[in-house]
C-alpha atoms as a PDB file:
ATOM      1  CA  MET A   1     -41.331 -34.121  24.142  1.00  0.00           C
ATOM      2  CA  ASN A   2     -42.515 -32.391  20.985  1.00  0.00           C
ATOM      3  CA  PRO A   3     -39.381 -30.729  19.515  1.00  0.00           C
ATOM      4  CA  SER A   4     -41.211 -27.734  18.050  1.00  0.00           C
ATOM      5  CA  THR A   5     -42.846 -27.036  21.406  1.00  0.00           C
ATOM      6  CA  LEU A   6     -39.474 -27.311  23.137  1.00  0.00           C
ATOM      7  CA  ILE A   7     -37.930 -24.847  20.664  1.00  0.00           C
ATOM      8  CA  GLY A   8     -40.843 -22.471  21.183  1.00  0.00           C
ATOM      9  CA  ILE A   9     -40.509 -22.619  24.973  1.00  0.00           C
ATOM     10  CA  LEU A  10     -36.766 -21.977  24.812  1.00  0.00           C
ATOM     11  CA  ALA A  11     -37.258 -19.076  22.402  1.00  0.00           C
ATOM     12  CA  SER A  12     -39.907 -17.615  24.709  1.00  0.00           C
ATOM     13  CA  ILE A  13     -37.579 -17.857  27.697  1.00  0.00           C
ATOM     14  CA  VAL A  14     -34.808 -16.123  25.742  1.00  0.00           C
ATOM     15  CA  LEU A  15     -37.224 -13.395  24.629  1.00  0.00           C
ATOM     16  CA  LEU A  16     -38.531 -12.719  28.111  1.00  0.00           C
ATOM     17  CA  ALA A  17     -35.041 -12.857  29.606  1.00  0.00           C
ATOM     18  CA  SER A  18     -33.871 -10.301  27.055  1.00  0.00           C
ATOM     19  CA  VAL A  19     -36.779  -8.018  27.937  1.00  0.00           C
ATOM     20  CA  LEU A  20     -36.147  -8.296  31.656  1.00  0.00           C
ATOM     21  CA  LEU A  21     -32.381  -7.986  31.571  1.00  0.00           C
ATOM     22  CA  PHE A  22     -31.704  -5.465  28.817  1.00  0.00           C
ATOM     23  CA  THR A  23     -34.731  -3.154  28.716  1.00  0.00           C
ATOM     24  CA  ALA A  24     -35.382  -2.578  32.406  1.00  0.00           C
ATOM     25  CA  GLU A  25     -33.295  -1.255  35.251  1.00  0.00           C
ATOM     26  CA  SER A  26     -34.720  -3.942  37.496  1.00  0.00           C
ATOM     27  CA  PRO A  27     -36.407  -7.232  36.446  1.00  0.00           C
ATOM     28  CA  GLN A  28     -38.837  -6.728  39.304  1.00  0.00           C
ATOM     29  CA  SER A  29     -40.376  -3.802  37.420  1.00  0.00           C
ATOM     30  CA  PHE A  30     -42.106  -6.358  35.141  1.00  0.00           C
ATOM     31  CA  VAL A  31     -43.592  -8.242  38.070  1.00  0.00           C
ATOM     32  CA  ASN A  32     -47.126  -7.308  39.043  1.00  0.00           C
ATOM     33  CA  LEU A  33     -48.933 -10.171  40.709  1.00  0.00           C
ATOM     34  CA  PRO A  34     -52.283  -8.355  41.130  1.00  0.00           C
ATOM     35  CA  GLY A  35     -52.304  -7.479  37.424  1.00  0.00           C
ATOM     36  CA  LEU A  36     -51.457 -11.055  36.445  1.00  0.00           C
ATOM     37  CA  ALA A  37     -54.203 -12.304  38.748  1.00  0.00           C
ATOM     38  CA  ILE A  38     -56.735 -10.004  37.046  1.00  0.00           C
ATOM     39  CA  VAL A  39     -55.820 -11.361  33.599  1.00  0.00           C
ATOM     40  CA  LEU A  40     -55.773 -15.037  34.570  1.00  0.00           C
ATOM     41  CA  ALA A  41     -58.829 -14.983  36.830  1.00  0.00           C
ATOM     42  CA  GLY A  42     -60.853 -12.891  34.408  1.00  0.00           C
ATOM     43  CA  THR A  43     -59.946 -15.067  31.418  1.00  0.00           C
ATOM     44  CA  LEU A  44     -60.808 -18.282  33.259  1.00  0.00           C
ATOM     45  CA  ALA A  45     -64.046 -16.824  34.624  1.00  0.00           C
ATOM     46  CA  ALA A  46     -65.192 -15.701  31.170  1.00  0.00           C
ATOM     47  CA  THR A  47     -64.242 -19.090  29.706  1.00  0.00           C
ATOM     48  CA  PHE A  48     -66.258 -20.991  32.310  1.00  0.00           C
ATOM     49  CA  ILE A  49     -69.213 -18.719  31.633  1.00  0.00           C
ATOM     50  CA  SER A  50     -68.917 -19.271  27.870  1.00  0.00           C
ATOM     51  CA  TYR A  51     -68.574 -23.073  27.816  1.00  0.00           C
ATOM     52  CA  PRO A  52     -69.972 -26.052  29.749  1.00  0.00           C
ATOM     53  CA  LEU A  53     -67.831 -27.320  32.609  1.00  0.00           C
ATOM     54  CA  LYS A  54     -67.169 -30.730  31.023  1.00  0.00           C
ATOM     55  CA  GLU A  55     -65.779 -29.124  27.852  1.00  0.00           C
ATOM     56  CA  VAL A  56     -63.419 -26.831  29.755  1.00  0.00           C
ATOM     57  CA  VAL A  57     -62.171 -29.693  31.942  1.00  0.00           C
ATOM     58  CA  ARG A  58     -61.583 -31.899  28.898  1.00  0.00           C
ATOM     59  CA  VAL A  59     -59.660 -29.159  27.123  1.00  0.00           C
ATOM     60  CA  VAL A  60     -57.388 -28.561  30.120  1.00  0.00           C
ATOM     61  CA  ARG A  61     -56.319 -32.195  29.873  1.00  0.00           C
ATOM     62  CA  LEU A  62     -55.422 -31.690  26.213  1.00  0.00           C
ATOM     63  CA  VAL A  63     -52.740 -29.139  27.079  1.00  0.00           C
ATOM     64  CA  GLY A  64     -50.402 -32.056  27.689  1.00  0.00           C
ATOM     65  CA  LEU A  65     -50.668 -33.025  24.013  1.00  0.00           C
ATOM     66  CA  VAL A  66     -48.850 -29.825  23.091  1.00  0.00           C
ATOM     67  CA  PHE A  67     -45.786 -30.943  25.052  1.00  0.00           C
ATOM     68  CA  ARG A  68     -45.494 -34.493  23.788  1.00  0.00           C
ATOM     69  CA  ARG A  69     -45.069 -35.968  20.346  1.00  0.00           C
ATOM     70  CA  GLU A  70     -48.177 -37.835  19.276  1.00  0.00           C
ATOM     71  CA  ASN A  71     -47.883 -40.704  16.817  1.00  0.00           C
ATOM     72  CA  THR A  72     -50.864 -41.359  14.552  1.00  0.00           C
ATOM     73  CA  TYR A  73     -49.602 -44.921  13.857  1.00  0.00           C
ATOM     74  CA  THR A  74     -50.402 -44.533  10.161  1.00  0.00           C
ATOM     75  CA  ARG A  75     -47.877 -47.148   9.083  1.00  0.00           C
ATOM     76  CA  ASP A  76     -49.335 -49.661  11.532  1.00  0.00           C
ATOM     77  CA  ASP A  77     -52.847 -48.982  10.213  1.00  0.00           C
ATOM     78  CA  ILE A  78     -51.689 -49.526   6.630  1.00  0.00           C
ATOM     79  CA  LYS A  79     -50.070 -52.826   7.563  1.00  0.00           C
ATOM     80  CA  GLU A  80     -53.208 -53.993   9.366  1.00  0.00           C
ATOM     81  CA  LEU A  81     -55.459 -53.003   6.451  1.00  0.00           C
ATOM     82  CA  VAL A  82     -53.238 -54.773   3.928  1.00  0.00           C
ATOM     83  CA  ASP A  83     -53.003 -57.924   6.067  1.00  0.00           C
ATOM     84  CA  MET A  84     -56.778 -57.983   6.558  1.00  0.00           C
ATOM     85  CA  SER A  85     -57.358 -57.399   2.864  1.00  0.00           C
ATOM     86  CA  ARG A  86     -55.248 -60.471   2.072  1.00  0.00           C
ATOM     87  CA  LEU A  87     -57.279 -62.560   4.497  1.00  0.00           C
ATOM     88  CA  TRP A  88     -60.541 -61.146   3.191  1.00  0.00           C
ATOM     89  CA  PHE A  89     -59.460 -61.762  -0.401  1.00  0.00           C
ATOM     90  CA  LYS A  90     -58.860 -65.419   0.519  1.00  0.00           C
ATOM     91  CA  GLY A  91     -62.287 -65.600   2.179  1.00  0.00           C
ATOM     92  CA  ASP A  92     -60.839 -66.387   5.629  1.00  0.00           C
ATOM     93  CA  VAL A  93     -63.379 -64.502   7.742  1.00  0.00           C
ATOM     94  CA  ARG A  94     -62.307 -66.083  11.035  1.00  0.00           C
ATOM     95  CA  ALA A  95     -58.740 -64.939  10.514  1.00  0.00           C
ATOM     96  CA  VAL A  96     -59.992 -61.409   9.858  1.00  0.00           C
ATOM     97  CA  GLU A  97     -62.020 -61.478  13.077  1.00  0.00           C
ATOM     98  CA  ALA A  98     -58.969 -62.705  14.989  1.00  0.00           C
ATOM     99  CA  ALA A  99     -56.882 -59.881  13.525  1.00  0.00           C
ATOM    100  CA  LEU A 100     -59.543 -57.364  14.553  1.00  0.00           C
ATOM    101  CA  GLU A 101     -59.123 -58.366  18.185  1.00  0.00           C
ATOM    102  CA  GLN A 102     -55.499 -57.173  18.016  1.00  0.00           C
ATOM    103  CA  THR A 103     -56.093 -53.787  16.393  1.00  0.00           C
ATOM    104  CA  ARG A 104     -56.081 -50.722  18.614  1.00  0.00           C
ATOM    105  CA  ASN A 105     -57.752 -48.429  16.076  1.00  0.00           C
ATOM    106  CA  PRO A 106     -61.509 -48.338  16.849  1.00  0.00           C
ATOM    107  CA  PHE A 107     -62.283 -46.537  13.582  1.00  0.00           C
ATOM    108  CA  LEU A 108     -60.564 -49.253  11.556  1.00  0.00           C
ATOM    109  CA  ARG A 109     -62.156 -51.976  13.668  1.00  0.00           C
ATOM    110  CA  THR A 110     -65.664 -50.614  13.085  1.00  0.00           C
ATOM    111  CA  GLY A 111     -65.148 -50.381   9.341  1.00  0.00           C
ATOM    112  CA  ILE A 112     -63.861 -53.948   8.968  1.00  0.00           C
ATOM    113  CA  GLN A 113     -66.614 -55.292  11.197  1.00  0.00           C
ATOM    114  CA  LEU A 114     -69.185 -53.691   8.917  1.00  0.00           C
ATOM    115  CA  VAL A 115     -67.469 -55.245   5.896  1.00  0.00           C
ATOM    116  CA  ILE A 116     -67.554 -58.681   7.524  1.00  0.00           C
ATOM    117  CA  ALA A 117     -71.260 -58.180   8.296  1.00  0.00           C
ATOM    118  CA  ASN A 118     -71.889 -57.621   4.554  1.00  0.00           C
ATOM    119  CA  THR A 119     -73.170 -54.121   5.178  1.00  0.00           C
ATOM    120  CA  LYS A 120     -73.887 -52.081   2.081  1.00  0.00           C
ATOM    121  CA  GLU A 121     -70.979 -49.963   0.931  1.00  0.00           C
ATOM    122  CA  GLU A 122     -72.996 -46.733   1.081  1.00  0.00           C
ATOM    123  CA  GLU A 123     -74.078 -47.431   4.661  1.00  0.00           C
ATOM    124  CA  ILE A 124     -70.480 -48.133   5.716  1.00  0.00           C
ATOM    125  CA  PHE A 125     -69.303 -44.861   4.209  1.00  0.00           C
ATOM    126  CA  ASP A 126     -72.163 -42.885   5.733  1.00  0.00           C
ATOM    127  CA  LEU A 127     -71.362 -44.181   9.214  1.00  0.00           C
ATOM    128  CA  LEU A 128     -67.608 -43.695   8.940  1.00  0.00           C
ATOM    129  CA  ARG A 129     -67.932 -40.226   7.393  1.00  0.00           C
ATOM    130  CA  TRP A 130     -70.269 -39.277  10.231  1.00  0.00           C
ATOM    131  CA  ARG A 131     -67.628 -40.363  12.744  1.00  0.00           C
ATOM    132  CA  ILE A 132     -65.006 -38.310  10.902  1.00  0.00           C
ATOM    133  CA  ALA A 133     -67.280 -35.267  10.921  1.00  0.00           C
ATOM    134  CA  ARG A 134     -68.032 -35.757  14.629  1.00  0.00           C
ATOM    135  CA  LEU A 135     -64.338 -35.925  15.538  1.00  0.00           C
ATOM    136  CA  LYS A 136     -63.603 -32.863  13.417  1.00  0.00           C
ATOM    137  CA  ALA A 137     -66.391 -30.855  15.062  1.00  0.00           C
ATOM    138  CA  ARG A 138     -65.439 -31.923  18.596  1.00  0.00           C
ATOM    139  CA  GLU A 139     -61.740 -31.184  18.246  1.00  0.00           C
ATOM    140  CA  HIS A 140     -62.417 -27.916  16.419  1.00  0.00           C
ATOM    141  CA  ALA A 141     -64.559 -26.860  19.390  1.00  0.00           C
ATOM    142  CA  GLU A 142     -61.721 -27.791  21.767  1.00  0.00           C
ATOM    143  CA  ALA A 143     -59.223 -25.627  19.883  1.00  0.00           C
ATOM    144  CA  GLN A 144     -61.799 -22.841  19.689  1.00  0.00           C
ATOM    145  CA  ILE A 145     -61.867 -22.622  23.485  1.00  0.00           C
ATOM    146  CA  PHE A 146     -58.207 -21.597  23.495  1.00  0.00           C
ATOM    147  CA  ARG A 147     -58.852 -19.078  20.721  1.00  0.00           C
ATOM    148  CA  THR A 148     -61.636 -17.654  22.872  1.00  0.00           C
ATOM    149  CA  MET A 149     -59.242 -17.410  25.810  1.00  0.00           C
ATOM    150  CA  ALA A 150     -56.793 -15.591  23.538  1.00  0.00           C
ATOM    151  CA  THR A 151     -59.548 -13.048  22.898  1.00  0.00           C
ATOM    152  CA  TYR A 152     -60.425 -12.613  26.556  1.00  0.00           C
ATOM    153  CA  ALA A 153     -56.864 -12.206  27.889  1.00  0.00           C
ATOM    154  CA  PRO A 154     -56.042  -8.837  26.230  1.00  0.00           C
ATOM    155  CA  ALA A 155     -59.491  -7.532  27.167  1.00  0.00           C
ATOM    156  CA  PHE A 156     -58.919  -8.278  30.857  1.00  0.00           C
ATOM    157  CA  GLY A 157     -55.448  -6.805  30.487  1.00  0.00           C
ATOM    158  CA  MET A 158     -57.119  -3.561  29.477  1.00  0.00           C
ATOM    159  CA  ILE A 159     -59.462  -3.832  32.452  1.00  0.00           C
ATOM    160  CA  GLY A 160     -56.463  -4.155  34.739  1.00  0.00           C
ATOM    161  CA  THR A 161     -54.919  -1.132  33.066  1.00  0.00           C
ATOM    162  CA  LEU A 162     -58.071   0.894  33.671  1.00  0.00           C
ATOM    163  CA  VAL A 163     -58.094  -0.157  37.319  1.00  0.00           C
ATOM    164  CA  GLY A 164     -54.491   0.956  37.633  1.00  0.00           C
ATOM    165  CA  LEU A 165     -55.232   4.297  35.956  1.00  0.00           C
ATOM    166  CA  VAL A 166     -58.103   4.943  38.336  1.00  0.00           C
ATOM    167  CA  ASN A 167     -55.787   4.297  41.272  1.00  0.00           C
ATOM    168  CA  MET A 168     -53.213   6.586  39.684  1.00  0.00           C
ATOM    169  CA  LEU A 169     -55.723   9.434  39.336  1.00  0.00           C
ATOM    170  CA  GLU A 170     -56.285   9.351  43.082  1.00  0.00           C
ATOM    171  CA  VAL A 171     -52.670  10.372  43.715  1.00  0.00           C
ATOM    172  CA  MET A 172     -52.302  12.862  40.859  1.00  0.00           C
ATOM    173  CA  GLU A 173     -53.463  15.733  43.061  1.00  0.00           C
ATOM    174  CA  ALA A 174     -50.298  15.351  45.081  1.00  0.00           C
ATOM    175  CA  GLY A 175     -48.269  15.924  41.902  1.00  0.00           C
ATOM    176  CA  ASP A 176     -45.551  13.569  43.063  1.00  0.00           C
ATOM    177  CA  LEU A 177     -43.938  12.060  39.959  1.00  0.00           C
ATOM    178  CA  ASN A 178     -42.222   9.460  42.109  1.00  0.00           C
ATOM    179  CA  VAL A 179     -45.664   8.003  42.811  1.00  0.00           C
ATOM    180  CA  ILE A 180     -47.363   8.582  39.459  1.00  0.00           C
ATOM    181  CA  GLY A 181     -44.615   6.888  37.426  1.00  0.00           C
ATOM    182  CA  PRO A 182     -44.677   3.525  39.214  1.00  0.00           C
ATOM    183  CA  ARG A 183     -48.473   3.500  39.302  1.00  0.00           C
ATOM    184  CA  MET A 184     -48.535   4.066  35.521  1.00  0.00           C
ATOM    185  CA  ALA A 185     -46.056   1.234  34.954  1.00  0.00           C
ATOM    186  CA  VAL A 186     -48.150  -1.141  37.045  1.00  0.00           C
ATOM    187  CA  ALA A 187     -51.269  -0.159  35.090  1.00  0.00           C
ATOM    188  CA  LEU A 188     -49.631  -0.929  31.748  1.00  0.00           C
ATOM    189  CA  LEU A 189     -48.235  -4.275  32.890  1.00  0.00           C
ATOM    190  CA  THR A 190     -51.668  -5.899  32.904  1.00  0.00           C
ATOM    191  CA  THR A 191     -52.044  -5.137  29.195  1.00  0.00           C
ATOM    192  CA  PHE A 192     -48.585  -6.624  28.691  1.00  0.00           C
ATOM    193  CA  TYR A 193     -49.624  -9.800  30.507  1.00  0.00           C
ATOM    194  CA  GLY A 194     -52.842 -10.115  28.504  1.00  0.00           C
ATOM    195  CA  ILE A 195     -51.129  -9.757  25.120  1.00  0.00           C
ATOM    196  CA  LEU A 196     -48.319 -12.094  26.163  1.00  0.00           C
ATOM    197  CA  LEU A 197     -50.665 -14.864  27.324  1.00  0.00           C
ATOM    198  CA  ALA A 198     -52.857 -14.532  24.241  1.00  0.00           C
ATOM    199  CA  ASN A 199     -50.061 -14.725  21.672  1.00  0.00           C
ATOM    200  CA  LEU A 200     -47.530 -16.904  23.464  1.00  0.00           C
ATOM    201  CA  VAL A 201     -49.793 -19.413  25.228  1.00  0.00           C
ATOM    202  CA  PHE A 202     -53.431 -19.596  24.150  1.00  0.00           C
ATOM    203  CA  LYS A 203     -53.152 -19.063  20.377  1.00  0.00           C
ATOM    204  CA  PRO A 204     -50.157 -21.411  19.932  1.00  0.00           C
ATOM    205  CA  ILE A 205     -51.994 -24.149  21.829  1.00  0.00           C
ATOM    206  CA  ALA A 206     -55.057 -23.660  19.603  1.00  0.00           C
ATOM    207  CA  VAL A 207     -52.944 -23.871  16.442  1.00  0.00           C
ATOM    208  CA  LYS A 208     -51.166 -26.986  17.709  1.00  0.00           C
ATOM    209  CA  LEU A 209     -54.486 -28.702  18.444  1.00  0.00           C
ATOM    210  CA  GLU A 210     -55.823 -27.739  15.012  1.00  0.00           C
ATOM    211  CA  ARG A 211     -52.751 -29.214  13.329  1.00  0.00           C
ATOM    212  CA  ARG A 212     -53.222 -32.385  15.384  1.00  0.00           C
ATOM    213  CA  THR A 213     -56.810 -32.619  14.167  1.00  0.00           C
ATOM    214  CA  GLU A 214     -55.712 -32.255  10.532  1.00  0.00           C
ATOM    215  CA  GLU A 215     -53.231 -35.109  10.914  1.00  0.00           C
ATOM    216  CA  ARG A 216     -55.842 -37.314  12.562  1.00  0.00           C
ATOM    217  CA  LEU A 217     -58.356 -36.579   9.797  1.00  0.00           C
ATOM    218  CA  ILE A 218     -55.801 -37.554   7.156  1.00  0.00           C
ATOM    219  CA  ALA A 219     -55.225 -40.845   8.979  1.00  0.00           C
ATOM    220  CA  MET A 220     -58.966 -41.516   9.249  1.00  0.00           C
ATOM    221  CA  ASN A 221     -59.537 -40.754   5.574  1.00  0.00           C
ATOM    222  CA  MET A 222     -56.699 -43.114   4.732  1.00  0.00           C
ATOM    223  CA  VAL A 223     -58.420 -45.878   6.705  1.00  0.00           C
ATOM    224  CA  LEU A 224     -61.726 -45.018   5.013  1.00  0.00           C
ATOM    225  CA  GLU A 225     -60.094 -45.367   1.593  1.00  0.00           C
ATOM    226  CA  GLY A 226     -58.594 -48.712   2.586  1.00  0.00           C
ATOM    227  CA  ILE A 227     -61.971 -50.034   3.732  1.00  0.00           C
ATOM    228  CA  SER A 228     -63.514 -48.784   0.488  1.00  0.00           C
ATOM    229  CA  LEU A 229     -60.963 -50.754  -1.531  1.00  0.00           C
ATOM    230  CA  ILE A 230     -61.557 -53.858   0.579  1.00  0.00           C
ATOM    231  CA  THR A 231     -65.316 -53.689  -0.037  1.00  0.00           C
ATOM    232  CA  LYS A 232     -64.566 -53.466  -3.772  1.00  0.00           C
ATOM    233  CA  ARG A 233     -62.283 -56.525  -3.442  1.00  0.00           C
ATOM    234  CA  ARG A 234     -59.242 -54.812  -4.884  1.00  0.00           C
ATOM    235  CA  LEU A 235     -55.962 -56.729  -4.840  1.00  0.00           C
ATOM    236  CA  PRO A 236     -53.953 -56.352  -1.616  1.00  0.00           C
ATOM    237  CA  SER A 237     -50.952 -55.061  -3.589  1.00  0.00           C
ATOM    238  CA  PHE A 238     -53.109 -52.320  -5.122  1.00  0.00           C
ATOM    239  CA  ILE A 239     -54.496 -51.429  -1.690  1.00  0.00           C
ATOM    240  CA  GLU A 240     -50.990 -51.190  -0.249  1.00  0.00           C
ATOM    241  CA  GLU A 241     -49.736 -48.894  -3.008  1.00  0.00           C
ATOM    242  CA  THR A 242     -52.820 -46.695  -2.730  1.00  0.00           C
ATOM    243  CA  LEU A 243     -52.556 -46.330   1.033  1.00  0.00           C
ATOM    244  CA  ASN A 244     -48.827 -45.638   0.891  1.00  0.00           C
ATOM    245  CA  SER A 245     -49.630 -42.616  -1.261  1.00  0.00           C
ATOM    246  CA  PHE A 246     -51.307 -41.065   1.787  1.00  0.00           C
ATOM    247  CA  VAL A 247     -48.029 -41.014   3.694  1.00  0.00           C
ATOM    248  CA  ALA A 248     -45.699 -40.337   0.769  1.00  0.00           C
ATOM    249  CA  ASN A 249     -43.794 -37.099   1.255  1.00  0.00           C
ATOM    250  CA  TYR A 250     -43.290 -35.130  -1.957  1.00  0.00           C
ATOM    251  CA  HIS A 251     -41.702 -31.719  -1.633  1.00  0.00           C
ATOM    252  CA  ASP A 252     -43.309 -30.694  -4.911  1.00  0.00           C
ATOM    253  CA  GLU A 253     -46.361 -32.487  -6.318  1.00  0.00           C
ATOM    254  CA  ILE A 254     -45.816 -30.986  -9.788  1.00  0.00           C
ATOM    255  CA  ARG A 255     -42.098 -31.392 -10.448  1.00  0.00           C
ATOM    256  CA  ASP A 256     -39.380 -33.537  -8.888  1.00  0.00           C
ATOM    257  CA  PRO A 257     -36.183 -31.456  -8.863  1.00  0.00           C
ATOM    258  CA  GLN A 258     -34.028 -34.578  -8.426  1.00  0.00           C
ATOM    259  CA  ARG A 259     -35.294 -36.312 -11.550  1.00  0.00           C
ATOM    260  CA  PRO A 260     -33.100 -35.755 -14.650  1.00  0.00           C
ATOM    261  CA  VAL A 261     -34.884 -34.179 -17.603  1.00  0.00           C
ATOM    262  CA  SER A 262     -34.873 -36.287 -20.768  1.00  0.00           C
ATOM    263  CA  ARG A 263     -33.979 -34.941 -24.190  1.00  0.00           C
ATOM    264  CA  ASP A 264     -37.591 -35.219 -25.366  1.00  0.00           C
ATOM    265  CA  GLU A 265     -38.733 -33.106 -22.386  1.00  0.00           C
ATOM    266  CA  GLU A 266     -36.011 -30.545 -23.117  1.00  0.00           C
ATOM    267  CA  ALA A 267     -37.168 -30.356 -26.729  1.00  0.00           C
ATOM    268  CA  GLY A 268     -40.760 -29.916 -25.599  1.00  0.00           C
ATOM    269  CA  GLN A 269     -39.769 -27.130 -23.209  1.00  0.00           C
ATOM    270  CA  GLY A 270     -37.777 -25.422 -25.928  1.00  0.00           C
ATOM    271  CA  ALA A 271     -40.759 -25.508 -28.276  1.00  0.00           C
END
């Protein structure tokens, strides 16, 4: 399971437990099933109206990605690109084709196949960049659905509150505070549900999917750079060092705090 998601779920449980146990006389006072039904049903209804059915169904399946750790297999892609570049540099086309049958990265496979077919470099890049742009647009649209749901949820929470206030006005003539108070609490709970779902469920899922897309785009651009170097017949060692720079983790790209400063650098800083 994704550790950050697990931490977030545990923190949410602690938060809600604190609200229920320490700020209310009875935890049941925060339970309003009709209000929750208004928020959930209204949000889902508006989402289905806004987007095609196939997009909504596909996005629902992506919720599972938030709960599990997804590996982009960047190191495996680098190894495959370097191995294929060595074979290509030797002119062993059959060995490259055999290696392609083992790769599980369709983006990498397409690029190498185009190289083997002696496709022009510009045409290879145009096709692969188009596939990158298509993936970016599709996954951005998937995350946008959850951001849309985060917009709808508070709005339907307000609708539930208005419904509760209307019901409360019907009993105000009696002037019985024992009735008006609970009705007012029930009316406000729907707004609580809408804000909670928007900021604790829908928006976090959208952000997580957007971060996943960014990581996948970095991996695809790394593969694109490797294919570019192969078409230019760069040395496999140069290709390996270049691709490793995509996964190198520098805390500071400008200055390495662990590196000792030489006397010449100290003199330059003093000047």
